[in-house]
Amino acid sequence: IAGRIGVPLALEDWTRIGRGTPTLVDLMP
């Protein structure tokens, strides 16, 4: 989706932004 609108997004962004974030939603799986 980001590629279609012209926004740069890399795998490293998932590490930089996502890692360290607690999972709050207690849902399956």
PDB file of all heavy atoms in Angstrom:
ATOM      1  N   ILE A   1       0.840  -1.199   0.000  1.00  0.00           N
ATOM      2  CA  ILE A   1       0.000   0.000   0.000  1.00  0.00           C
ATOM      3  C   ILE A   1       0.878   1.253   0.000  1.00  0.00           C
ATOM      4  O   ILE A   1       0.631   2.206  -0.750  1.00  0.00           O
ATOM      5  CB  ILE A   1      -0.946   0.001   1.216  1.00  0.00           C
ATOM      6  CG1 ILE A   1      -1.920  -1.176   1.142  1.00  0.00           C
ATOM      7  CG2 ILE A   1      -1.728   1.311   1.289  1.00  0.00           C
ATOM      8  CD1 ILE A   1      -2.651  -1.448   2.457  1.00  0.00           C
ATOM      9  N   ALA A   2       1.915   1.251   0.839  1.00  0.00           N
ATOM     10  CA  ALA A   2       2.822   2.394   0.908  1.00  0.00           C
ATOM     11  C   ALA A   2       3.493   2.637  -0.439  1.00  0.00           C
ATOM     12  O   ALA A   2       3.669   3.790  -0.860  1.00  0.00           O
ATOM     13  CB  ALA A   2       3.872   2.164   1.990  1.00  0.00           C
ATOM     14  N   GLY A   3       3.859   1.547  -1.124  1.00  0.00           N
ATOM     15  CA  GLY A   3       4.488   1.686  -2.425  1.00  0.00           C
ATOM     16  C   GLY A   3       3.579   2.340  -3.448  1.00  0.00           C
ATOM     17  O   GLY A   3       4.042   3.064  -4.333  1.00  0.00           O
ATOM     18  N   ARG A   4       2.276   2.109  -3.332  1.00  0.00           N
ATOM     19  CA  ARG A   4       1.330   2.687  -4.291  1.00  0.00           C
ATOM     20  C   ARG A   4       1.119   4.188  -4.057  1.00  0.00           C
ATOM     21  O   ARG A   4       0.788   4.916  -4.993  1.00  0.00           O
ATOM     22  CB  ARG A   4      -0.015   1.970  -4.193  1.00  0.00           C
ATOM     23  CG  ARG A   4      -0.005   0.536  -4.662  1.00  0.00           C
ATOM     24  CD  ARG A   4       0.339   0.412  -6.148  1.00  0.00           C
ATOM     25  NE  ARG A   4       0.131  -0.941  -6.624  1.00  0.00           N
ATOM     26  CZ  ARG A   4      -0.961  -1.367  -7.247  1.00  0.00           C
ATOM     27  NH1 ARG A   4      -1.967  -0.530  -7.463  1.00  0.00           N
ATOM     28  NH2 ARG A   4      -1.059  -2.614  -7.652  1.00  0.00           N
ATOM     29  N   ILE A   5       1.278   4.649  -2.831  1.00  0.00           N
ATOM     30  CA  ILE A   5       1.035   6.069  -2.538  1.00  0.00           C
ATOM     31  C   ILE A   5       2.341   6.857  -2.500  1.00  0.00           C
ATOM     32  O   ILE A   5       2.351   8.080  -2.383  1.00  0.00           O
ATOM     33  CB  ILE A   5       0.248   6.225  -1.209  1.00  0.00           C
ATOM     34  CG1 ILE A   5      -0.506   7.562  -1.171  1.00  0.00           C
ATOM     35  CG2 ILE A   5       1.151   6.060  -0.005  1.00  0.00           C
ATOM     36  CD1 ILE A   5      -1.682   7.636  -2.125  1.00  0.00           C
ATOM     37  N   GLY A   6       3.483   6.121  -2.602  1.00  0.00           N
ATOM     38  CA  GLY A   6       4.775   6.789  -2.659  1.00  0.00           C
ATOM     39  C   GLY A   6       5.420   7.043  -1.316  1.00  0.00           C
ATOM     40  O   GLY A   6       6.276   7.935  -1.189  1.00  0.00           O
ATOM     41  N   VAL A   7       5.060   6.263  -0.299  1.00  0.00           N
ATOM     42  CA  VAL A   7       5.642   6.412   1.035  1.00  0.00           C
ATOM     43  C   VAL A   7       6.719   5.343   1.222  1.00  0.00           C
ATOM     44  O   VAL A   7       6.436   4.157   1.077  1.00  0.00           O
ATOM     45  CB  VAL A   7       4.566   6.268   2.133  1.00  0.00           C
ATOM     46  CG1 VAL A   7       5.206   6.172   3.513  1.00  0.00           C
ATOM     47  CG2 VAL A   7       3.596   7.440   2.072  1.00  0.00           C
ATOM     48  N   PRO A   8       7.959   5.745   1.555  1.00  0.00           N
ATOM     49  CA  PRO A   8       9.011   4.739   1.786  1.00  0.00           C
ATOM     50  C   PRO A   8       8.749   3.970   3.076  1.00  0.00           C
ATOM     51  O   PRO A   8       8.447   4.550   4.112  1.00  0.00           O
ATOM     52  CB  PRO A   8      10.288   5.587   1.890  1.00  0.00           C
ATOM     53  CG  PRO A   8       9.818   6.942   2.318  1.00  0.00           C
ATOM     54  CD  PRO A   8       8.457   7.121   1.709  1.00  0.00           C
ATOM     55  N   LEU A   9       8.836   2.649   3.006  1.00  0.00           N
ATOM     56  CA  LEU A   9       8.609   1.794   4.169  1.00  0.00           C
ATOM     57  C   LEU A   9       9.537   0.591   4.019  1.00  0.00           C
ATOM     58  O   LEU A   9       9.559  -0.049   2.969  1.00  0.00           O
ATOM     59  CB  LEU A   9       7.151   1.346   4.228  1.00  0.00           C
ATOM     60  CG  LEU A   9       6.592   0.878   5.575  1.00  0.00           C
ATOM     61  CD1 LEU A   9       6.579   2.010   6.579  1.00  0.00           C
ATOM     62  CD2 LEU A   9       5.188   0.315   5.409  1.00  0.00           C
ATOM     63  N   ALA A  10      10.311   0.299   5.074  1.00  0.00           N
ATOM     64  CA  ALA A  10      11.288  -0.783   5.018  1.00  0.00           C
ATOM     65  C   ALA A  10      11.068  -1.752   6.170  1.00  0.00           C
ATOM     66  O   ALA A  10      10.414  -1.421   7.167  1.00  0.00           O
ATOM     67  CB  ALA A  10      12.708  -0.213   5.068  1.00  0.00           C
ATOM     68  N   LEU A  11      11.640  -2.956   6.036  1.00  0.00           N
ATOM     69  CA  LEU A  11      11.541  -3.931   7.115  1.00  0.00           C
ATOM     70  C   LEU A  11      12.097  -3.367   8.419  1.00  0.00           C
ATOM     71  O   LEU A  11      11.586  -3.655   9.496  1.00  0.00           O
ATOM     72  CB  LEU A  11      12.295  -5.207   6.744  1.00  0.00           C
ATOM     73  CG  LEU A  11      11.582  -6.223   5.858  1.00  0.00           C
ATOM     74  CD1 LEU A  11      12.493  -7.398   5.565  1.00  0.00           C
ATOM     75  CD2 LEU A  11      10.286  -6.700   6.502  1.00  0.00           C
ATOM     76  N   GLU A  12      13.138  -2.569   8.330  1.00  0.00           N
ATOM     77  CA  GLU A  12      13.734  -1.991   9.539  1.00  0.00           C
ATOM     78  C   GLU A  12      12.755  -1.116  10.304  1.00  0.00           C
ATOM     79  O   GLU A  12      12.893  -0.928  11.518  1.00  0.00           O
ATOM     80  CB  GLU A  12      14.994  -1.193   9.177  1.00  0.00           C
ATOM     81  CG  GLU A  12      16.237  -2.040   8.959  1.00  0.00           C
ATOM     82  CD  GLU A  12      16.140  -2.930   7.729  1.00  0.00           C
ATOM     83  OE1 GLU A  12      15.413  -2.552   6.778  1.00  0.00           O
ATOM     84  OE2 GLU A  12      16.769  -4.008   7.708  1.00  0.00           O
ATOM     85  N   ASP A  13      11.763  -0.569   9.618  1.00  0.00           N
ATOM     86  CA  ASP A  13      10.753   0.247  10.302  1.00  0.00           C
ATOM     87  C   ASP A  13       9.946  -0.594  11.286  1.00  0.00           C
ATOM     88  O   ASP A  13       9.512  -0.106  12.325  1.00  0.00           O
ATOM     89  CB  ASP A  13       9.819   0.907   9.286  1.00  0.00           C
ATOM     90  CG  ASP A  13      10.518   1.969   8.464  1.00  0.00           C
ATOM     91  OD1 ASP A  13      11.342   2.704   9.034  1.00  0.00           O
ATOM     92  OD2 ASP A  13      10.268   2.048   7.251  1.00  0.00           O
ATOM     93  N   TRP A  14       9.756  -1.874  10.957  1.00  0.00           N
ATOM     94  CA  TRP A  14       9.023  -2.762  11.869  1.00  0.00           C
ATOM     95  C   TRP A  14       9.837  -3.023  13.128  1.00  0.00           C
ATOM     96  O   TRP A  14       9.277  -3.159  14.223  1.00  0.00           O
ATOM     97  CB  TRP A  14       8.667  -4.064  11.164  1.00  0.00           C
ATOM     98  CG  TRP A  14       7.604  -3.872  10.140  1.00  0.00           C
ATOM     99  CD1 TRP A  14       7.759  -3.442   8.852  1.00  0.00           C
ATOM    100  CD2 TRP A  14       6.197  -4.041  10.323  1.00  0.00           C
ATOM    101  NE1 TRP A  14       6.540  -3.349   8.234  1.00  0.00           N
ATOM    102  CE2 TRP A  14       5.564  -3.713   9.104  1.00  0.00           C
ATOM    103  CE3 TRP A  14       5.417  -4.463  11.400  1.00  0.00           C
ATOM    104  CZ2 TRP A  14       4.198  -3.780   8.939  1.00  0.00           C
ATOM    105  CZ3 TRP A  14       4.046  -4.542  11.233  1.00  0.00           C
ATOM    106  CH2 TRP A  14       3.442  -4.196  10.022  1.00  0.00           C
ATOM    107  N   THR A  15      11.151  -3.074  12.986  1.00  0.00           N
ATOM    108  CA  THR A  15      12.012  -3.225  14.162  1.00  0.00           C
ATOM    109  C   THR A  15      12.056  -1.930  14.961  1.00  0.00           C
ATOM    110  O   THR A  15      11.886  -1.925  16.183  1.00  0.00           O
ATOM    111  CB  THR A  15      13.438  -3.615  13.728  1.00  0.00           C
ATOM    112  OG1 THR A  15      13.374  -4.847  12.991  1.00  0.00           O
ATOM    113  CG2 THR A  15      14.346  -3.788  14.929  1.00  0.00           C
ATOM    114  N   ARG A  16      12.271  -0.827  14.269  1.00  0.00           N
ATOM    115  CA  ARG A  16      12.439   0.469  14.932  1.00  0.00           C
ATOM    116  C   ARG A  16      11.176   0.927  15.648  1.00  0.00           C
ATOM    117  O   ARG A  16      11.226   1.454  16.759  1.00  0.00           O
ATOM    118  CB  ARG A  16      12.860   1.522  13.893  1.00  0.00           C
ATOM    119  CG  ARG A  16      13.096   2.914  14.460  1.00  0.00           C
ATOM    120  CD  ARG A  16      13.570   3.854  13.360  1.00  0.00           C
ATOM    121  NE  ARG A  16      12.598   3.972  12.290  1.00  0.00           N
ATOM    122  CZ  ARG A  16      11.565   4.810  12.323  1.00  0.00           C
ATOM    123  NH1 ARG A  16      11.340   5.573  13.377  1.00  0.00           N
ATOM    124  NH2 ARG A  16      10.727   4.875  11.294  1.00  0.00           N
ATOM    125  N   ILE A  17      10.021   0.692  15.038  1.00  0.00           N
ATOM    126  CA  ILE A  17       8.764   1.209  15.589  1.00  0.00           C
ATOM    127  C   ILE A  17       8.008   0.153  16.379  1.00  0.00           C
ATOM    128  O   ILE A  17       7.438   0.433  17.434  1.00  0.00           O
ATOM    129  CB  ILE A  17       7.872   1.744  14.448  1.00  0.00           C
ATOM    130  CG1 ILE A  17       8.592   2.850  13.679  1.00  0.00           C
ATOM    131  CG2 ILE A  17       6.540   2.262  14.985  1.00  0.00           C
ATOM    132  CD1 ILE A  17       8.004   3.132  12.323  1.00  0.00           C
ATOM    133  N   GLY A  18       7.996  -1.087  15.861  1.00  0.00           N
ATOM    134  CA  GLY A  18       7.157  -2.114  16.467  1.00  0.00           C
ATOM    135  C   GLY A  18       7.762  -2.838  17.642  1.00  0.00           C
ATOM    136  O   GLY A  18       7.079  -3.124  18.634  1.00  0.00           O
ATOM    137  N   ARG A  19       9.069  -3.163  17.572  1.00  0.00           N
ATOM    138  CA  ARG A  19       9.686  -3.921  18.648  1.00  0.00           C
ATOM    139  C   ARG A  19       9.689  -3.115  19.937  1.00  0.00           C
ATOM    140  O   ARG A  19       9.889  -1.904  19.942  1.00  0.00           O
ATOM    141  CB  ARG A  19      11.125  -4.330  18.295  1.00  0.00           C
ATOM    142  CG  ARG A  19      11.257  -5.299  17.151  1.00  0.00           C
ATOM    143  CD  ARG A  19      10.380  -6.537  17.268  1.00  0.00           C
ATOM    144  NE  ARG A  19      10.553  -7.274  18.505  1.00  0.00           N
ATOM    145  CZ  ARG A  19      11.445  -8.236  18.682  1.00  0.00           C
ATOM    146  NH1 ARG A  19      12.278  -8.550  17.712  1.00  0.00           N
ATOM    147  NH2 ARG A  19      11.511  -8.889  19.817  1.00  0.00           N
ATOM    148  N   GLY A  20       9.479  -3.832  21.038  1.00  0.00           N
ATOM    149  CA  GLY A  20       9.381  -3.176  22.334  1.00  0.00           C
ATOM    150  C   GLY A  20       7.970  -2.759  22.699  1.00  0.00           C
ATOM    151  O   GLY A  20       7.717  -2.317  23.815  1.00  0.00           O
ATOM    152  N   THR A  21       7.038  -2.913  21.752  1.00  0.00           N
ATOM    153  CA  THR A  21       5.634  -2.571  22.014  1.00  0.00           C
ATOM    154  C   THR A  21       4.927  -3.771  22.630  1.00  0.00           C
ATOM    155  O   THR A  21       4.961  -4.863  22.064  1.00  0.00           O
ATOM    156  CB  THR A  21       4.914  -2.171  20.714  1.00  0.00           C
ATOM    157  OG1 THR A  21       5.621  -1.103  20.085  1.00  0.00           O
ATOM    158  CG2 THR A  21       3.482  -1.743  21.002  1.00  0.00           C
ATOM    159  N   PRO A  22       4.280  -3.610  23.760  1.00  0.00           N
ATOM    160  CA  PRO A  22       3.570  -4.742  24.359  1.00  0.00           C
ATOM    161  C   PRO A  22       2.312  -5.094  23.579  1.00  0.00           C
ATOM    162  O   PRO A  22       1.635  -4.210  23.035  1.00  0.00           O
ATOM    163  CB  PRO A  22       3.219  -4.238  25.763  1.00  0.00           C
ATOM    164  CG  PRO A  22       3.161  -2.752  25.624  1.00  0.00           C
ATOM    165  CD  PRO A  22       4.189  -2.392  24.582  1.00  0.00           C
ATOM    166  N   THR A  23       2.008  -6.391  23.493  1.00  0.00           N
ATOM    167  CA  THR A  23       0.735  -6.832  22.935  1.00  0.00           C
ATOM    168  C   THR A  23      -0.314  -6.751  24.029  1.00  0.00           C
ATOM    169  O   THR A  23      -0.203  -7.409  25.060  1.00  0.00           O
ATOM    170  CB  THR A  23       0.839  -8.271  22.411  1.00  0.00           C
ATOM    171  OG1 THR A  23       1.778  -8.303  21.323  1.00  0.00           O
ATOM    172  CG2 THR A  23      -0.509  -8.767  21.904  1.00  0.00           C
ATOM    173  N   LEU A  24      -1.344  -5.932  23.791  1.00  0.00           N
ATOM    174  CA  LEU A  24      -2.374  -5.676  24.796  1.00  0.00           C
ATOM    175  C   LEU A  24      -3.639  -6.489  24.559  1.00  0.00           C
ATOM    176  O   LEU A  24      -4.414  -6.717  25.497  1.00  0.00           O
ATOM    177  CB  LEU A  24      -2.738  -4.180  24.803  1.00  0.00           C
ATOM    178  CG  LEU A  24      -1.587  -3.191  25.018  1.00  0.00           C
ATOM    179  CD1 LEU A  24      -2.119  -1.761  25.013  1.00  0.00           C
ATOM    180  CD2 LEU A  24      -0.842  -3.485  26.311  1.00  0.00           C
ATOM    181  N   VAL A  25      -3.874  -6.913  23.327  1.00  0.00           N
ATOM    182  CA  VAL A  25      -5.128  -7.571  22.977  1.00  0.00           C
ATOM    183  C   VAL A  25      -4.981  -9.082  23.145  1.00  0.00           C
ATOM    184  O   VAL A  25      -4.161  -9.716  22.487  1.00  0.00           O
ATOM    185  CB  VAL A  25      -5.549  -7.214  21.542  1.00  0.00           C
ATOM    186  CG1 VAL A  25      -6.856  -7.906  21.182  1.00  0.00           C
ATOM    187  CG2 VAL A  25      -5.695  -5.700  21.397  1.00  0.00           C
ATOM    188  N   ASP A  26      -5.788  -9.647  24.022  1.00  0.00           N
ATOM    189  CA  ASP A  26      -5.705 -11.078  24.371  1.00  0.00           C
ATOM    190  C   ASP A  26      -6.648 -11.864  23.474  1.00  0.00           C
ATOM    191  O   ASP A  26      -7.709 -12.319  23.889  1.00  0.00           O
ATOM    192  CB  ASP A  26      -6.076 -11.247  25.848  1.00  0.00           C
ATOM    193  CG  ASP A  26      -5.727 -12.635  26.385  1.00  0.00           C
ATOM    194  OD1 ASP A  26      -5.501 -13.541  25.565  1.00  0.00           O
ATOM    195  OD2 ASP A  26      -5.699 -12.802  27.620  1.00  0.00           O
ATOM    196  N   LEU A  27      -6.268 -12.010  22.207  1.00  0.00           N
ATOM    197  CA  LEU A  27      -7.108 -12.674  21.213  1.00  0.00           C
ATOM    198  C   LEU A  27      -6.396 -13.877  20.619  1.00  0.00           C
ATOM    199  O   LEU A  27      -5.175 -13.883  20.472  1.00  0.00           O
ATOM    200  CB  LEU A  27      -7.467 -11.705  20.075  1.00  0.00           C
ATOM    201  CG  LEU A  27      -8.941 -11.282  19.987  1.00  0.00           C
ATOM    202  CD1 LEU A  27      -9.298 -10.410  21.161  1.00  0.00           C
ATOM    203  CD2 LEU A  27      -9.197 -10.541  18.687  1.00  0.00           C
ATOM    204  N   MET A  28      -7.183 -14.889  20.248  1.00  0.00           N
ATOM    205  CA  MET A  28      -6.628 -15.999  19.483  1.00  0.00           C
ATOM    206  C   MET A  28      -6.094 -15.464  18.142  1.00  0.00           C
ATOM    207  O   MET A  28      -6.672 -14.540  17.589  1.00  0.00           O
ATOM    208  CB  MET A  28      -7.718 -17.050  19.196  1.00  0.00           C
ATOM    209  CG  MET A  28      -8.317 -17.678  20.432  1.00  0.00           C
ATOM    210  SD  MET A  28      -9.600 -18.884  19.955  1.00  0.00           S
ATOM    211  CE  MET A  28     -10.412 -19.149  21.545  1.00  0.00           C
ATOM    212  N   PRO A  29      -4.983 -15.993  17.612  1.00  0.00           N
ATOM    213  CA  PRO A  29      -4.299 -17.201  18.068  1.00  0.00           C
ATOM    214  C   PRO A  29      -3.289 -16.972  19.187  1.00  0.00           C
ATOM    215  O   PRO A  29      -2.790 -17.935  19.758  1.00  0.00           O
ATOM    216  CB  PRO A  29      -3.588 -17.681  16.803  1.00  0.00           C
ATOM    217  CG  PRO A  29      -3.265 -16.419  16.081  1.00  0.00           C
ATOM    218  CD  PRO A  29      -4.447 -15.521  16.319  1.00  0.00           C
TER     219      PRO A  29
END
